Amino acid sequence: MKSGAHQFVVDLGYLQEDDVFDICQVVTNWEHSSSPFLRKAASSIKVGDHGSLPPKAFVELISEIALSLQPNAAVAVDVVVASIDSGQMSTYAVAHISANVSPPLEADNPGFCAYGLEWFAQNRPTIRMWIMQELFWVEVADDE
């Protein structure tokens, strides 16, 4: 289990794009999903849970997960964003649920999450994303 002592190395590649600050908005916290299915799935999330969702539904799922967390708790989700005939799919697996996490200074606002996932789909489609209330970040892979 990860703890507050873990030192994260954060991948902020998406923030280098010229349009990121024109498109994304700073928000107070994650937004609730209108989908009862996603709200129910998030309420019982545990390590090992996995699935595939279109990108918008995936962002709604992690939003619901983040909103259900206790303060200072974080969830690590391994994500692969792949293109298929009908569009993109985010395949995910819950890797860690951790208490007492100190987020890195580079952690980002949820308003940048969908844009960041789209960027990662094009540039580094396999990522480990951490989510907390009000924050997310993508950890640099050990092999980079």
Protein backbone atom coordinates (compact mmCIF):
# COMPACT_ATOMS: atom_id res chain seq x y z
CA MET A 1 0.00 0.00 0.00
CA LYS A 2 1.27 3.47 -0.87
CA SER A 3 1.49 6.01 1.92
CA GLY A 4 2.05 9.70 2.34
CA ALA A 5 5.81 9.06 2.25
CA HIS A 6 5.70 7.97 -1.40
CA GLN A 7 7.49 10.39 -3.71
CA PHE A 8 5.62 10.75 -6.99
CA VAL A 9 7.23 11.70 -10.28
CA VAL A 10 4.44 13.32 -12.28
CA ASP A 11 3.97 13.35 -16.06
CA LEU A 12 2.66 16.78 -17.08
CA GLY A 13 3.23 16.45 -20.82
CA TYR A 14 -0.32 17.53 -21.64
CA LEU A 15 0.25 20.93 -20.02
CA GLN A 16 2.80 21.77 -22.73
CA GLU A 17 0.09 21.99 -25.41
CA ASP A 18 -0.69 25.50 -26.68
CA ASP A 19 -4.45 25.22 -26.20
CA VAL A 20 -4.65 23.49 -22.80
CA PHE A 21 -5.36 26.64 -20.78
CA ASP A 22 -7.88 27.88 -23.37
CA ILE A 23 -9.87 24.62 -23.34
CA CYS A 24 -9.68 23.50 -19.71
CA GLN A 25 -11.35 25.16 -16.75
CA VAL A 26 -10.35 25.10 -13.12
CA VAL A 27 -13.15 23.53 -11.10
CA THR A 28 -13.71 23.28 -7.36
CA ASN A 29 -13.94 19.49 -7.34
CA TRP A 30 -14.96 16.56 -9.52
CA GLU A 31 -18.50 16.61 -10.93
CA HIS A 32 -21.06 13.95 -10.06
CA SER A 33 -22.13 11.61 -12.83
CA SER A 34 -25.74 11.49 -13.97
CA SER A 35 -25.38 7.72 -14.48
CA PRO A 36 -26.72 5.58 -11.60
CA PHE A 37 -24.61 2.68 -12.97
CA LEU A 38 -21.36 4.66 -12.63
CA ARG A 39 -22.33 6.00 -9.18
CA LYS A 40 -23.05 2.45 -7.98
CA ALA A 41 -19.82 1.06 -9.50
CA ALA A 42 -17.76 3.80 -7.82
CA SER A 43 -19.39 3.29 -4.41
CA SER A 44 -18.04 -0.25 -4.09
CA ILE A 45 -14.69 0.09 -5.88
CA LYS A 46 -11.88 -2.17 -4.68
CA VAL A 47 -8.38 -3.17 -5.75
CA GLY A 48 -8.57 -5.48 -8.74
CA ASP A 49 -11.79 -4.04 -10.15
CA HIS A 50 -11.45 -3.49 -13.87
CA GLY A 51 -13.39 -2.71 -17.01
CA SER A 52 -13.56 -0.71 -20.24
CA LEU A 53 -15.50 2.48 -20.79
CA PRO A 54 -15.64 5.24 -23.38
CA PRO A 55 -13.47 8.18 -22.24
CA LYS A 56 -16.36 10.40 -21.07
CA ALA A 57 -17.85 7.58 -18.96
CA PHE A 58 -14.39 6.75 -17.57
CA VAL A 59 -13.93 10.36 -16.41
CA GLU A 60 -17.38 10.20 -14.79
CA LEU A 61 -16.41 6.96 -13.02
CA ILE A 62 -13.19 8.34 -11.61
CA SER A 63 -15.06 11.50 -10.63
CA GLU A 64 -17.47 9.42 -8.57
CA ILE A 65 -14.61 7.42 -7.05
CA ALA A 66 -12.76 10.60 -6.07
CA LEU A 67 -15.88 12.15 -4.55
CA SER A 68 -16.44 9.02 -2.43
CA LEU A 69 -12.94 9.06 -0.93
CA GLN A 70 -12.05 10.19 2.56
CA PRO A 71 -9.80 13.25 2.83
CA ASN A 72 -6.17 12.35 2.07
CA ALA A 73 -7.15 9.02 0.49
CA ALA A 74 -6.15 8.25 -3.10
CA VAL A 75 -6.87 5.59 -5.68
CA ALA A 76 -4.34 4.50 -8.31
CA VAL A 77 -5.85 3.29 -11.57
CA ASP A 78 -3.85 1.66 -14.35
CA VAL A 79 -5.32 2.89 -17.63
CA VAL A 80 -4.85 1.97 -21.28
CA VAL A 81 -6.57 4.26 -23.76
CA ALA A 82 -6.93 2.54 -27.12
CA SER A 83 -8.69 3.28 -30.37
CA ILE A 84 -11.14 0.69 -31.60
CA ASP A 85 -13.46 0.68 -34.62
CA SER A 86 -16.22 2.50 -32.73
CA GLY A 87 -13.93 5.07 -31.06
CA GLN A 88 -11.68 5.20 -28.02
CA MET A 89 -12.01 3.00 -24.95
CA SER A 90 -10.37 3.43 -21.58
CA THR A 91 -9.50 0.05 -20.10
CA TYR A 92 -8.76 0.35 -16.40
CA ALA A 93 -7.79 -1.67 -13.35
CA VAL A 94 -7.77 -0.38 -9.78
CA ALA A 95 -4.18 -0.87 -8.56
CA HIS A 96 -4.13 0.77 -5.09
CA ILE A 97 -6.47 2.36 -2.60
CA SER A 98 -4.34 4.28 -0.13
CA ALA A 99 -4.95 6.37 2.97
CA ASN A 100 -2.85 9.32 4.13
CA VAL A 101 -1.47 10.24 0.71
CA SER A 102 0.34 13.53 0.32
CA PRO A 103 -0.34 14.58 -3.26
CA PRO A 104 2.58 15.91 -5.27
CA LEU A 105 2.80 19.65 -5.85
CA GLU A 106 2.26 18.94 -9.56
CA ALA A 107 -1.16 17.33 -8.98
CA ASP A 108 -3.72 18.89 -11.28
CA ASN A 109 -7.27 20.17 -11.14
CA PRO A 110 -10.08 17.80 -12.27
CA GLY A 111 -11.04 20.30 -14.96
CA PHE A 112 -7.92 19.20 -16.88
CA CYS A 113 -8.52 15.44 -16.58
CA ALA A 114 -10.45 14.76 -19.82
CA TYR A 115 -7.97 16.83 -21.84
CA GLY A 116 -5.05 15.06 -20.16
CA LEU A 117 -6.50 11.63 -20.92
CA GLU A 118 -6.98 12.57 -24.57
CA TRP A 119 -3.36 13.74 -24.73
CA PHE A 120 -2.10 10.53 -23.09
CA ALA A 121 -4.16 8.47 -25.57
CA GLN A 122 -2.13 10.03 -28.39
CA ASN A 123 1.27 10.13 -26.67
CA ARG A 124 1.52 7.52 -23.89
CA PRO A 125 -1.62 5.36 -23.88
CA THR A 126 -0.61 3.26 -20.86
CA ILE A 127 -0.58 5.25 -17.62
CA ARG A 128 -1.05 5.05 -13.87
CA MET A 129 -3.45 7.76 -12.77
CA TRP A 130 -3.95 8.75 -9.16
CA ILE A 131 -7.17 10.41 -8.06
CA MET A 132 -8.19 12.17 -4.87
CA GLN A 133 -10.87 14.62 -3.93
CA GLU A 134 -10.11 17.81 -5.91
CA LEU A 135 -6.97 16.38 -7.63
CA PHE A 136 -5.46 13.93 -10.09
CA TRP A 137 -2.00 13.18 -11.46
CA VAL A 138 -0.32 10.71 -13.76
CA GLU A 139 2.75 8.98 -12.41
CA VAL A 140 5.76 8.59 -14.71
CA ALA A 141 6.31 4.92 -15.46
CA ASP A 142 9.39 3.34 -13.90
CA ASP A 143 10.80 2.52 -17.35
CA GLU A 144 10.71 6.15 -18.60
